[in-house]
Amino acid sequence: MNDISPVTLAVFLFFFVLVTVMGFAAARWRRADSLDNLDEWGLGGRGFGTFITWFLVGGDIYTAYTFVAVPALLYAGNMIGFFAVPYTIVLYPIIFVFLPRLWSVSHRHGYVTPADFIHGRFDSKALALAVAVTGILATMPYIALQLVGIQVVLEVMGIGGTSDSWFVKDLPLFIAFAVLAAYTYASGLRAPALIAFVKDALIYLVILVAVFYLPTQLGGWDGIFSAAKDKFDAANAASVAAGKPPSAGIIPAAPLHMAYFSLALGSALALFMYPHSLTGVLAARNRSVIRRNAALLPAYSFLLGLLALLGFAAIAANVQTDNAQLAVPEMMRTMFPDWFTGVAFAAIAIGALVPAAIMSIAAANLWTRNIYKAFIKPDATPAQEAKQSKLISLVVKFGALIFVLGLPNEFAINLQLLGGVWILQTFPALVGGLYTRWFHRWALLGGWAVGMVYGTWTAYQQPTAADPNAHFGSSLATIPFTETKAYIALTAFVINLLVVVVLTLVMRAAKVPEGTDHTRPEDYHADAGDPGVEELAIGDLATDTPTR
């Protein structure tokens, strides 16, 4: 266990207290008459402009996943981890096309969740329930990944550390999430939206300093890549001597090319299926905000590539650790002055807290709208809906601990990829439904069920590198009837889609009722100010003003 640096701890606590105060103060930021409805508490008044949405949606990219999980794979010699860069590049053209349509129909009909849209489009409570349950389930491991990120920072700082008592070890983590739960409960989506300014400013500062300062201390980027290559060559030589195939390298081995491609494509298709990603989008003021952000957010992808390379920098810095997820924080502790180490650790921790807040809000909205109101209390008032979401947002945060304690986190990125296995199975219903009603509602439900069963069972069967008897140890598996490994989510998605097409043909031939479409073609092009679309505006800090 590392000794605690008083300076590092003081700087870290300063920023933690700052965002805590901001979280509670957010309830008064662009204050509404009341937060006792989901439009205000869960969607921030549906009025965020381009500037705010940039930080809010960008928070879905720069999380603990970015600072801890991706560089950890590169540190371990697994260049598949670099898939995070092409996946975010592929992502934005996709969302530029379909998200404005979802925004329009959701604002025209008051939809708060993607499952609301599914219910309205296909007239199926069962399909909406499936989408809602999947969204909640898939969000859990993603929140768990944020927990792992905070754990890593606290461990490197020497807080909690290696105590024999799991409670003492993780007590600081529990305190951090209790504080997060409190200000999320009080302020709703406004809290992570306001804190995101501090979060992204810290992250940009840390990344830029790291990519310019560290090479000057480690022999330049040539020296960093050379050190990485030497380590991987030595690891491969040891593998060959032990009768195993070489696995480490700066470029993925040929057998893993399909794995790399499928991880990038599958993750790109999955990211904006997550309820927290869509929550940030539905909180935007108009369609143009979404398009502008889809055009501007690739700037995050550039820095993401540089950040991933910090895994190689940790090798050049001679960081020695059995836990690859500690590599980058440990490098920061040894290479940066104590005060800047505190800034860097605060950036990682806050980078975990912000998306965790958005995720818990989004999952709570799914519970409230598509389970509680749909099946338990159909006559729930807006105030009762808001109260349910607030309470469930607390449950979701701590429910994520089950994934931390129950699943292997040798590589934390597997937690996020496991969520992708599940959430991608909602793609045919959600994105398909934005363009066509040809898919039959029962066929979509059948395809979802097959994809979920196949994806979950296949993921369950994957061991970890350290324990062949473990489960959920990898998100890659052999494609059926081949010897090629690919991302389980994409394989399950293809099977899902095939089942949907076949069952749709069967259902149509059998003339099974399709239900009533409660949307109209013009709903998918509606914008703020159009009839039926209330123009709500929290506005940009720079240029926009409230118009309510």
Protein backbone atom coordinates (compact mmCIF):
# COMPACT_ATOMS: atom_id res chain seq x y z
CA MET A 1 0.00 0.00 0.00
CA ASN A 2 1.31 3.45 -0.93
CA ASP A 3 1.86 6.13 1.68
CA ILE A 4 -0.73 8.88 1.48
CA SER A 5 0.68 12.16 0.17
CA PRO A 6 -0.97 14.98 2.16
CA VAL A 7 -0.70 17.35 -0.83
CA THR A 8 -2.22 14.85 -3.27
CA LEU A 9 -5.01 14.03 -0.84
CA ALA A 10 -5.73 17.71 -0.12
CA VAL A 11 -6.01 18.59 -3.82
CA PHE A 12 -8.16 15.53 -4.47
CA LEU A 13 -10.50 16.37 -1.60
CA PHE A 14 -10.72 20.01 -2.69
CA PHE A 15 -12.12 19.04 -6.09
CA PHE A 16 -14.35 16.37 -4.59
CA VAL A 17 -15.87 18.90 -2.17
CA LEU A 18 -16.18 21.42 -5.02
CA VAL A 19 -18.23 19.08 -7.21
CA THR A 20 -20.31 18.02 -4.20
CA VAL A 21 -21.26 21.64 -3.52
CA MET A 22 -21.97 22.16 -7.22
CA GLY A 23 -24.11 19.02 -7.25
CA PHE A 24 -26.39 20.31 -4.52
CA ALA A 25 -26.36 23.86 -5.91
CA ALA A 26 -27.47 22.54 -9.30
CA ALA A 27 -31.03 22.27 -7.97
CA ARG A 28 -31.12 26.10 -8.13
CA TRP A 29 -29.31 26.37 -11.47
CA ARG A 30 -31.75 27.65 -14.10
CA ARG A 31 -34.31 26.87 -11.43
CA ALA A 32 -37.66 25.44 -12.47
CA ASP A 33 -40.89 25.96 -10.56
CA SER A 34 -40.58 22.37 -9.31
CA LEU A 35 -38.37 19.31 -9.87
CA ASP A 36 -41.30 17.03 -9.04
CA ASN A 37 -41.72 15.69 -12.57
CA LEU A 38 -39.49 13.67 -14.88
CA ASP A 39 -39.14 16.40 -17.50
CA GLU A 40 -37.42 18.58 -14.92
CA TRP A 41 -35.69 16.09 -12.60
CA GLY A 42 -34.83 13.42 -15.17
CA LEU A 43 -34.30 15.53 -18.32
CA GLY A 44 -33.20 18.88 -16.92
CA GLY A 45 -36.22 20.67 -18.36
CA ARG A 46 -35.57 19.36 -21.91
CA GLY A 47 -33.79 22.61 -22.68
CA PHE A 48 -30.00 22.18 -22.79
CA GLY A 49 -28.24 24.02 -25.59
CA THR A 50 -25.16 23.06 -27.60
CA PHE A 51 -22.59 24.09 -25.00
CA ILE A 52 -24.16 22.18 -22.11
CA THR A 53 -25.00 19.15 -24.24
CA TRP A 54 -21.37 18.99 -25.43
CA PHE A 55 -20.20 18.42 -21.86
CA LEU A 56 -23.15 16.22 -20.87
CA VAL A 57 -22.96 13.84 -23.83
CA GLY A 58 -19.17 13.95 -23.85
CA GLY A 59 -19.35 12.60 -20.33
CA ASP A 60 -20.46 9.29 -21.82
CA ILE A 61 -17.08 8.96 -23.55
CA TYR A 62 -14.58 10.22 -20.98
CA THR A 63 -15.36 8.01 -18.02
CA ALA A 64 -13.31 5.67 -15.84
CA TYR A 65 -13.54 3.43 -18.91
CA THR A 66 -11.26 5.86 -20.73
CA PHE A 67 -8.72 6.64 -18.03
CA VAL A 68 -8.42 3.18 -16.51
CA ALA A 69 -9.83 0.40 -18.66
CA VAL A 70 -8.53 1.26 -22.15
CA PRO A 71 -4.90 2.11 -21.19
CA ALA A 72 -4.86 -1.03 -19.00
CA LEU A 73 -5.31 -3.22 -22.07
CA LEU A 74 -2.48 -1.48 -23.91
CA TYR A 75 -0.24 -1.75 -20.86
CA ALA A 76 -0.91 -5.51 -20.87
CA GLY A 77 0.03 -5.73 -24.55
CA ASN A 78 -3.50 -6.25 -25.82
CA MET A 79 -3.82 -3.79 -28.69
CA ILE A 80 -7.44 -4.77 -29.18
CA GLY A 81 -8.06 -2.14 -26.51
CA PHE A 82 -7.34 0.52 -29.11
CA PHE A 83 -10.73 -0.31 -30.69
CA ALA A 84 -12.14 2.53 -28.55
CA VAL A 85 -10.71 5.06 -31.01
CA PRO A 86 -12.29 3.83 -34.28
CA TYR A 87 -15.52 3.03 -32.50
CA THR A 88 -16.03 6.63 -31.43
CA ILE A 89 -15.18 7.79 -34.96
CA VAL A 90 -17.77 5.45 -36.49
CA LEU A 91 -20.29 6.43 -33.82
CA TYR A 92 -20.97 10.05 -34.71
CA PRO A 93 -22.22 9.65 -38.30
CA ILE A 94 -24.64 7.04 -36.96
CA ILE A 95 -26.08 9.31 -34.30
CA PHE A 96 -26.17 12.27 -36.69
CA VAL A 97 -28.70 10.30 -38.74
CA PHE A 98 -31.05 8.70 -36.24
CA LEU A 99 -30.95 10.72 -33.01
CA PRO A 100 -32.69 13.85 -34.37
CA ARG A 101 -35.63 11.63 -35.35
CA LEU A 102 -35.79 10.18 -31.84
CA TRP A 103 -35.59 13.66 -30.33
CA SER A 104 -38.47 14.89 -32.48
CA VAL A 105 -40.90 12.07 -31.83
CA SER A 106 -40.02 12.04 -28.12
CA HIS A 107 -40.64 15.76 -27.71
CA ARG A 108 -43.85 15.61 -29.73
CA HIS A 109 -45.26 12.85 -27.50
CA GLY A 110 -43.51 13.57 -24.20
CA TYR A 111 -41.46 10.37 -24.21
CA VAL A 112 -38.89 10.27 -21.42
CA THR A 113 -37.27 6.91 -22.18
CA PRO A 114 -36.55 4.84 -25.30
CA ALA A 115 -39.06 2.28 -24.01
CA ASP A 116 -41.74 5.01 -24.08
CA PHE A 117 -41.11 5.37 -27.81
CA ILE A 118 -41.19 1.59 -28.35
CA HIS A 119 -44.56 1.40 -26.59
CA GLY A 120 -46.00 4.23 -28.66
CA ARG A 121 -44.60 2.97 -31.96
CA PHE A 122 -45.46 -0.72 -31.64
CA ASP A 123 -48.33 -0.62 -29.13
CA SER A 124 -46.63 -3.32 -27.07
CA LYS A 125 -46.19 -3.12 -23.30
CA ALA A 126 -44.26 -6.40 -23.40
CA LEU A 127 -41.70 -5.09 -25.89
CA ALA A 128 -41.38 -1.81 -23.98
CA LEU A 129 -40.86 -3.79 -20.78
CA ALA A 130 -38.13 -5.86 -22.45
CA VAL A 131 -36.34 -2.70 -23.61
CA ALA A 132 -36.66 -1.13 -20.15
CA VAL A 133 -35.36 -4.18 -18.29
CA THR A 134 -32.48 -4.50 -20.75
CA GLY A 135 -31.59 -0.85 -20.29
CA ILE A 136 -31.50 -1.19 -16.50
CA LEU A 137 -29.53 -4.45 -16.66
CA ALA A 138 -26.98 -3.11 -19.16
CA THR A 139 -26.45 0.06 -17.14
CA MET A 140 -25.45 -1.85 -14.00
CA PRO A 141 -22.05 -3.10 -15.20
CA TYR A 142 -21.35 0.31 -16.77
CA ILE A 143 -21.88 1.96 -13.37
CA ALA A 144 -19.76 -0.83 -11.87
CA LEU A 145 -16.95 0.19 -14.20
CA GLN A 146 -17.07 3.67 -12.70
CA LEU A 147 -16.83 2.08 -9.25
CA VAL A 148 -13.73 0.18 -10.34
CA GLY A 149 -12.19 3.42 -11.62
CA ILE A 150 -12.66 5.14 -8.27
CA GLN A 151 -11.37 2.05 -6.45
CA VAL A 152 -8.18 2.18 -8.50
CA VAL A 153 -7.54 5.85 -7.69
CA LEU A 154 -8.19 5.36 -3.99
CA GLU A 155 -5.91 2.32 -3.90
CA VAL A 156 -3.03 4.14 -5.59
CA MET A 157 -3.47 7.09 -3.22
CA GLY A 158 -3.29 4.67 -0.29
CA ILE A 159 -6.85 5.19 0.96
CA GLY A 160 -8.57 1.97 2.03
CA GLY A 161 -5.93 -0.02 0.22
CA THR A 162 -5.29 -3.63 1.12
CA SER A 163 -7.10 -3.87 4.44
CA ASP A 164 -8.28 -7.40 5.27
CA SER A 165 -11.75 -6.02 5.91
CA TRP A 166 -13.65 -5.45 2.68
CA PHE A 167 -15.75 -2.83 4.45
CA VAL A 168 -12.74 -0.80 5.57
CA LYS A 169 -11.08 -1.24 2.19
CA ASP A 170 -14.05 0.11 0.27
CA LEU A 171 -15.44 2.55 2.84
CA PRO A 172 -14.09 5.64 0.99
CA LEU A 173 -15.76 4.34 -2.16
CA PHE A 174 -19.07 3.92 -0.35
CA ILE A 175 -18.81 7.45 1.02
CA ALA A 176 -18.12 8.85 -2.47
CA PHE A 177 -21.15 7.10 -3.91
CA ALA A 178 -23.34 8.07 -0.97
CA VAL A 179 -22.52 11.72 -1.65
CA LEU A 180 -23.17 11.17 -5.36
CA ALA A 181 -26.51 9.56 -4.55
CA ALA A 182 -27.49 12.48 -2.32
CA TYR A 183 -26.92 15.28 -4.81
CA THR A 184 -28.37 13.25 -7.69
CA TYR A 185 -31.50 12.73 -5.58
CA ALA A 186 -31.70 16.45 -4.85
CA SER A 187 -30.84 17.94 -8.25
CA GLY A 188 -31.52 15.29 -10.89
CA LEU A 189 -29.87 15.68 -14.31
CA ARG A 190 -28.88 19.26 -13.57
CA ALA A 191 -26.21 17.98 -11.14
CA PRO A 192 -24.10 15.96 -13.62
CA ALA A 193 -24.71 18.61 -16.29
CA LEU A 194 -23.20 21.33 -14.10
CA ILE A 195 -20.39 19.17 -12.71
CA ALA A 196 -19.48 18.05 -16.25
CA PHE A 197 -17.88 21.49 -16.82
CA VAL A 198 -15.36 20.86 -14.03
CA LYS A 199 -14.92 17.23 -15.05
CA ASP A 200 -14.09 17.91 -18.69
CA ALA A 201 -11.85 20.87 -17.87
CA LEU A 202 -9.81 18.68 -15.51
CA ILE A 203 -9.68 15.82 -18.01
CA TYR A 204 -8.53 18.02 -20.87
CA LEU A 205 -5.88 19.58 -18.62
CA VAL A 206 -4.56 16.21 -17.43
CA ILE A 207 -4.51 14.65 -20.90
CA LEU A 208 -2.75 17.59 -22.53
CA VAL A 209 -0.16 17.80 -19.78
CA ALA A 210 0.39 14.04 -19.88
CA VAL A 211 0.86 13.75 -23.64
CA PHE A 212 3.25 16.69 -23.80
CA TYR A 213 5.09 16.34 -20.47
CA LEU A 214 5.56 12.57 -20.16
CA PRO A 215 7.45 12.09 -23.46
CA THR A 216 10.00 14.68 -22.31
CA GLN A 217 10.69 12.48 -19.28
CA LEU A 218 10.58 9.11 -21.07
CA GLY A 219 12.75 9.63 -24.15
CA GLY A 220 10.03 10.95 -26.44
CA TRP A 221 7.33 8.90 -28.11
CA ASP A 222 10.04 6.86 -29.87
CA GLY A 223 11.37 5.83 -26.49
CA ILE A 224 7.87 5.04 -25.23
CA PHE A 225 7.04 2.80 -28.21
CA SER A 226 10.45 1.12 -28.03
CA ALA A 227 9.96 0.30 -24.35
CA ALA A 228 6.52 -1.16 -25.11
CA LYS A 229 7.89 -3.25 -27.97
CA ASP A 230 10.73 -4.60 -25.83
CA LYS A 231 8.29 -5.64 -23.09
CA PHE A 232 5.95 -7.35 -25.55
CA ASP A 233 8.80 -9.13 -27.33
CA ALA A 234 10.01 -10.49 -24.00
CA ALA A 235 6.48 -11.60 -23.05
CA ASN A 236 6.03 -13.33 -26.41
CA ALA A 237 9.37 -15.10 -26.10
CA ALA A 238 8.31 -16.41 -22.68
CA SER A 239 4.98 -17.58 -24.13
CA VAL A 240 6.67 -19.44 -26.98
CA ALA A 241 9.12 -21.06 -24.54
CA ALA A 242 6.13 -22.28 -22.52
CA GLY A 243 4.50 -23.71 -25.63
CA LYS A 244 1.88 -20.98 -25.93
CA PRO A 245 1.24 -18.71 -28.93
CA PRO A 246 2.51 -15.09 -28.69
CA SER A 247 -0.27 -12.72 -27.67
CA ALA A 248 1.26 -9.30 -26.95
CA GLY A 249 2.13 -6.66 -29.51
CA ILE A 250 1.74 -3.12 -30.76
CA ILE A 251 -0.46 -4.40 -33.61
CA PRO A 252 -3.19 -7.03 -33.00
CA ALA A 253 -2.27 -10.50 -34.26
CA ALA A 254 -4.00 -11.63 -37.47
CA PRO A 255 -6.43 -14.03 -35.68
CA LEU A 256 -7.70 -11.05 -33.67
CA HIS A 257 -8.47 -8.72 -36.58
CA MET A 258 -12.14 -9.74 -36.63
CA ALA A 259 -12.28 -9.27 -32.87
CA TYR A 260 -10.91 -5.74 -33.24
CA PHE A 261 -13.34 -4.88 -36.05
CA SER A 262 -16.36 -6.36 -34.29
CA LEU A 263 -15.56 -4.61 -31.01
CA ALA A 264 -15.34 -1.26 -32.79
CA LEU A 265 -18.53 -1.71 -34.82
CA GLY A 266 -20.53 -3.38 -32.05
CA SER A 267 -19.58 -0.71 -29.52
CA ALA A 268 -20.45 2.07 -31.98
CA LEU A 269 -23.90 0.60 -32.56
CA ALA A 270 -24.43 0.02 -28.84
CA LEU A 271 -23.33 3.27 -27.19
CA PHE A 272 -26.40 5.35 -27.99
CA MET A 273 -28.72 2.46 -27.19
CA TYR A 274 -27.78 2.97 -23.54
CA PRO A 275 -30.50 4.87 -21.67
CA HIS A 276 -27.98 7.33 -20.19
CA SER A 277 -26.73 8.32 -23.65
CA LEU A 278 -30.28 8.91 -24.84
CA THR A 279 -31.12 10.86 -21.68
CA GLY A 280 -28.46 13.43 -22.56
CA VAL A 281 -29.87 13.67 -26.08
CA LEU A 282 -33.52 14.01 -25.04
CA ALA A 283 -32.49 16.83 -22.69
CA ALA A 284 -31.34 18.90 -25.68
CA ARG A 285 -33.40 21.94 -26.67
CA ASN A 286 -33.83 21.21 -30.38
CA ARG A 287 -32.71 18.99 -33.27
CA SER A 288 -29.90 21.32 -34.27
CA VAL A 289 -28.22 20.89 -30.88
CA ILE A 290 -27.93 17.15 -31.54
CA ARG A 291 -26.54 17.60 -35.05
CA ARG A 292 -23.99 20.19 -33.92
CA ASN A 293 -22.80 17.90 -31.15
CA ALA A 294 -22.52 14.94 -33.50
CA ALA A 295 -20.27 17.12 -35.65
CA LEU A 296 -18.21 18.52 -32.75
CA LEU A 297 -17.79 15.51 -30.47
CA PRO A 298 -15.16 13.75 -32.64
CA ALA A 299 -12.71 16.15 -30.98
CA TYR A 300 -13.02 13.84 -28.00
CA SER A 301 -11.90 10.91 -30.17
CA PHE A 302 -8.56 12.56 -30.93
CA LEU A 303 -7.68 12.95 -27.27
CA LEU A 304 -9.02 9.46 -26.58
CA GLY A 305 -6.32 8.03 -28.84
CA LEU A 306 -3.63 9.96 -27.00
CA LEU A 307 -5.02 8.88 -23.66
CA ALA A 308 -4.97 5.21 -24.68
CA LEU A 309 -1.26 5.53 -25.41
CA LEU A 310 -0.64 6.32 -21.75
CA GLY A 311 -0.69 2.55 -21.28
CA PHE A 312 2.58 2.46 -23.27
CA ALA A 313 3.89 5.43 -21.29
CA ALA A 314 3.37 3.43 -18.08
CA ILE A 315 5.60 0.71 -19.53
CA ALA A 316 8.31 3.24 -20.38
CA ALA A 317 8.00 4.65 -16.85
CA ASN A 318 8.81 1.13 -15.59
CA VAL A 319 5.57 0.78 -13.66
CA GLN A 320 5.46 -2.71 -12.16
CA THR A 321 2.02 -3.98 -11.18
CA ASP A 322 0.10 -7.24 -11.43
CA ASN A 323 -3.11 -5.24 -11.87
CA ALA A 324 -2.94 -3.50 -15.25
CA GLN A 325 -5.72 -1.12 -14.20
CA LEU A 326 -3.37 0.48 -11.68
CA ALA A 327 -0.75 1.21 -14.34
CA VAL A 328 -1.74 4.72 -15.44
CA PRO A 329 -2.68 6.05 -11.97
CA GLU A 330 0.55 4.59 -10.58
CA MET A 331 2.53 6.24 -13.37
CA MET A 332 0.88 9.57 -12.58
CA ARG A 333 1.77 9.18 -8.91
CA THR A 334 5.44 8.60 -9.69
CA MET A 335 5.88 10.99 -12.64
CA PHE A 336 3.84 14.06 -11.62
CA PRO A 337 4.37 16.48 -8.72
CA ASP A 338 2.13 15.65 -5.75
CA TRP A 339 -0.20 18.57 -6.39
CA PHE A 340 -0.77 17.67 -10.03
CA THR A 341 -1.23 14.02 -9.10
CA GLY A 342 -4.13 15.20 -6.96
CA VAL A 343 -5.58 17.02 -9.98
CA ALA A 344 -5.18 13.90 -12.14
CA PHE A 345 -6.79 11.61 -9.57
CA ALA A 346 -9.64 14.07 -9.12
CA ALA A 347 -10.17 14.07 -12.90
CA ILE A 348 -10.45 10.28 -12.93
CA ALA A 349 -12.76 10.12 -9.92
CA ILE A 350 -15.04 12.94 -11.10
CA GLY A 351 -14.90 11.37 -14.56
CA ALA A 352 -16.50 8.34 -12.94
CA LEU A 353 -19.04 10.19 -10.78
CA VAL A 354 -20.60 12.26 -13.57
CA PRO A 355 -21.54 9.41 -15.92
CA ALA A 356 -22.56 7.25 -12.95
CA ALA A 357 -25.08 9.95 -11.99
CA ILE A 358 -26.48 10.15 -15.53
CA MET A 359 -26.67 6.37 -15.75
CA SER A 360 -28.55 6.01 -12.48
CA ILE A 361 -31.03 8.73 -13.50
CA ALA A 362 -31.66 7.08 -16.87
CA ALA A 363 -32.15 3.64 -15.34
CA ALA A 364 -34.50 5.11 -12.72
CA ASN A 365 -36.58 6.78 -15.44
CA LEU A 366 -36.96 3.41 -17.19
CA TRP A 367 -38.21 1.82 -13.97
CA THR A 368 -40.65 4.63 -13.28
CA ARG A 369 -42.14 5.05 -16.73
CA ASN A 370 -42.07 1.51 -18.11
CA ILE A 371 -42.47 -0.70 -15.06
CA TYR A 372 -43.95 1.29 -12.16
CA LYS A 373 -46.38 3.43 -14.17
CA ALA A 374 -47.04 0.83 -16.86
CA PHE A 375 -47.77 -2.13 -14.56
CA ILE A 376 -47.90 -1.11 -10.90
CA LYS A 377 -49.55 2.33 -10.67
CA PRO A 378 -50.94 3.47 -14.03
CA ASP A 379 -52.53 6.55 -12.43
CA ALA A 380 -49.25 7.81 -10.92
CA THR A 381 -49.03 11.59 -10.84
CA PRO A 382 -45.96 13.43 -12.19
CA ALA A 383 -44.85 14.05 -8.59
CA GLN A 384 -45.15 10.36 -7.77
CA GLU A 385 -43.16 9.49 -10.89
CA ALA A 386 -40.40 11.86 -9.85
CA LYS A 387 -40.32 10.42 -6.34
CA GLN A 388 -40.04 6.88 -7.72
CA SER A 389 -37.16 7.86 -9.99
CA LYS A 390 -35.32 9.57 -7.15
CA LEU A 391 -35.60 6.49 -4.94
CA ILE A 392 -34.67 4.01 -7.66
CA SER A 393 -31.68 6.13 -8.67
CA LEU A 394 -30.29 5.31 -5.21
CA VAL A 395 -30.99 1.61 -5.59
CA VAL A 396 -29.35 1.44 -9.01
CA LYS A 397 -26.10 2.97 -7.79
CA PHE A 398 -25.65 0.48 -5.02
CA GLY A 399 -27.00 -2.37 -7.12
CA ALA A 400 -23.96 -1.87 -9.32
CA LEU A 401 -21.86 -3.10 -6.39
CA ILE A 402 -23.16 -6.60 -7.15
CA PHE A 403 -21.33 -6.50 -10.45
CA VAL A 404 -18.15 -5.23 -8.80
CA LEU A 405 -18.21 -7.92 -6.12
CA GLY A 406 -19.63 -10.76 -8.21
CA LEU A 407 -17.88 -10.48 -11.58
CA PRO A 408 -14.17 -10.70 -12.39
CA ASN A 409 -12.70 -7.27 -13.10
CA GLU A 410 -9.26 -8.37 -14.21
CA PHE A 411 -9.89 -5.99 -17.08
CA ALA A 412 -12.63 -3.54 -16.12
CA ILE A 413 -13.43 -2.90 -19.77
CA ASN A 414 -15.22 -6.26 -19.81
CA LEU A 415 -17.87 -4.75 -17.53
CA GLN A 416 -18.72 -2.14 -20.16
CA LEU A 417 -18.54 -4.66 -22.99
CA LEU A 418 -20.89 -7.01 -21.12
CA GLY A 419 -23.44 -4.20 -20.95
CA GLY A 420 -22.98 -3.79 -24.70
CA VAL A 421 -23.90 -7.44 -25.24
CA TRP A 422 -27.30 -6.76 -23.70
CA ILE A 423 -28.11 -3.23 -24.85
CA LEU A 424 -27.33 -3.91 -28.53
CA GLN A 425 -30.27 -6.33 -28.61
CA THR A 426 -32.62 -3.32 -28.41
CA PHE A 427 -31.22 -1.84 -31.64
CA PRO A 428 -33.74 -3.48 -34.07
CA ALA A 429 -36.72 -2.18 -32.09
CA LEU A 430 -35.38 1.30 -31.36
CA VAL A 431 -33.51 2.30 -34.51
CA GLY A 432 -35.57 0.10 -36.80
CA GLY A 433 -38.72 1.58 -35.30
CA LEU A 434 -37.57 5.12 -36.13
CA TYR A 435 -37.74 4.31 -39.83
CA THR A 436 -40.22 1.49 -40.37
CA ARG A 437 -43.01 -0.53 -38.82
CA TRP A 438 -42.34 -3.49 -41.08
CA PHE A 439 -40.84 -5.43 -38.17
CA HIS A 440 -43.65 -7.13 -36.26
CA ARG A 441 -43.81 -6.34 -32.54
CA TRP A 442 -43.82 -10.01 -31.53
CA ALA A 443 -40.96 -10.72 -33.92
CA LEU A 444 -38.94 -7.94 -32.29
CA LEU A 445 -39.65 -9.45 -28.89
CA GLY A 446 -38.66 -12.91 -30.11
CA GLY A 447 -35.43 -11.64 -31.68
CA TRP A 448 -34.60 -9.74 -28.49
CA ALA A 449 -35.14 -12.87 -26.38
CA VAL A 450 -32.94 -15.04 -28.61
CA GLY A 451 -30.19 -12.40 -28.73
CA MET A 452 -30.27 -11.94 -24.95
CA VAL A 453 -30.14 -15.66 -24.21
CA TYR A 454 -27.37 -16.34 -26.71
CA GLY A 455 -25.33 -13.30 -25.65
CA THR A 456 -25.67 -13.90 -21.91
CA TRP A 457 -24.96 -17.64 -22.07
CA THR A 458 -21.97 -17.18 -24.36
CA ALA A 459 -20.53 -14.41 -22.16
CA TYR A 460 -21.11 -16.57 -19.07
CA GLN A 461 -19.01 -19.34 -20.58
CA GLN A 462 -15.94 -17.17 -21.11
CA PRO A 463 -13.18 -17.72 -18.51
CA THR A 464 -10.55 -15.22 -17.44
CA ALA A 465 -6.90 -15.60 -18.34
CA ALA A 466 -6.09 -16.25 -14.68
CA ASP A 467 -8.92 -18.67 -13.88
CA PRO A 468 -10.28 -21.14 -16.47
CA ASN A 469 -13.23 -21.87 -14.18
CA ALA A 470 -14.35 -18.24 -13.91
CA HIS A 471 -17.30 -16.79 -15.82
CA PHE A 472 -17.93 -13.54 -17.72
CA GLY A 473 -14.17 -13.23 -18.17
CA SER A 474 -14.24 -11.94 -21.76
CA SER A 475 -16.59 -10.35 -24.28
CA LEU A 476 -15.06 -12.22 -27.20
CA ALA A 477 -16.16 -15.67 -28.32
CA THR A 478 -15.94 -17.88 -31.40
CA ILE A 479 -18.62 -17.15 -34.02
CA PRO A 480 -20.87 -20.23 -34.42
CA PHE A 481 -19.67 -22.67 -37.10
CA THR A 482 -16.34 -20.85 -37.46
CA GLU A 483 -13.02 -20.65 -35.65
CA THR A 484 -13.00 -16.84 -35.66
CA LYS A 485 -13.41 -14.83 -32.48
CA ALA A 486 -15.63 -11.75 -32.44
CA TYR A 487 -17.48 -9.48 -30.02
CA ILE A 488 -20.35 -11.48 -28.55
CA ALA A 489 -22.71 -8.48 -28.78
CA LEU A 490 -22.37 -8.21 -32.56
CA THR A 491 -22.84 -11.95 -33.11
CA ALA A 492 -25.93 -11.92 -30.88
CA PHE A 493 -27.22 -8.85 -32.74
CA VAL A 494 -26.93 -10.59 -36.13
CA ILE A 495 -28.77 -13.65 -34.76
CA ASN A 496 -31.38 -11.33 -33.24
CA LEU A 497 -31.93 -9.57 -36.58
CA LEU A 498 -32.25 -12.84 -38.50
CA VAL A 499 -34.88 -14.07 -36.03
CA VAL A 500 -36.78 -10.77 -36.30
CA VAL A 501 -36.93 -10.97 -40.11
CA VAL A 502 -38.03 -14.62 -40.16
CA LEU A 503 -40.65 -14.18 -37.43
CA THR A 504 -41.97 -11.01 -39.08
CA LEU A 505 -42.63 -12.95 -42.26
CA VAL A 506 -44.34 -15.68 -40.24
CA MET A 507 -46.45 -13.22 -38.22
CA ARG A 508 -47.53 -11.34 -41.31
CA ALA A 509 -48.45 -14.57 -43.08
CA ALA A 510 -50.49 -15.59 -40.06
CA LYS A 511 -52.07 -12.10 -39.91
CA VAL A 512 -51.20 -11.64 -36.24
CA PRO A 513 -52.40 -8.17 -35.12
CA GLU A 514 -49.66 -5.53 -35.29
CA GLY A 515 -51.13 -3.03 -32.84
CA THR A 516 -51.72 0.68 -33.37
CA ASP A 517 -48.95 3.10 -34.23
CA HIS A 518 -49.47 6.17 -32.03
CA THR A 519 -46.94 8.23 -33.97
CA ARG A 520 -47.29 10.00 -37.32
CA PRO A 521 -44.69 10.54 -40.09
CA GLU A 522 -44.48 14.26 -39.38
CA ASP A 523 -43.59 13.56 -35.71
CA TYR A 524 -40.12 12.43 -36.75
CA HIS A 525 -39.24 15.86 -38.16
CA ALA A 526 -40.80 18.11 -35.50
CA ASP A 527 -38.61 20.77 -33.93
CA ALA A 528 -38.80 23.15 -30.99
CA GLY A 529 -41.60 25.67 -31.50
CA ASP A 530 -43.61 23.41 -33.81
CA PRO A 531 -47.22 22.64 -32.83
CA GLY A 532 -47.21 20.09 -30.03
CA VAL A 533 -43.57 20.66 -29.14
CA GLU A 534 -43.20 22.94 -26.14
CA GLU A 535 -40.12 25.12 -26.48
CA LEU A 536 -38.25 24.67 -23.22
CA ALA A 537 -34.90 26.36 -22.86
CA ILE A 538 -32.29 26.21 -20.17
CA GLY A 539 -29.93 27.49 -22.81
CA ASP A 540 -26.23 27.76 -23.40
CA LEU A 541 -24.14 29.65 -20.90
CA ALA A 542 -22.58 31.64 -23.70
CA THR A 543 -25.31 32.78 -26.06
CA ASP A 544 -28.71 31.33 -25.28
CA THR A 545 -31.22 32.74 -22.85
CA PRO A 546 -34.25 31.15 -21.25
CA THR A 547 -37.42 31.57 -23.27
CA ARG A 548 -39.89 29.88 -21.07
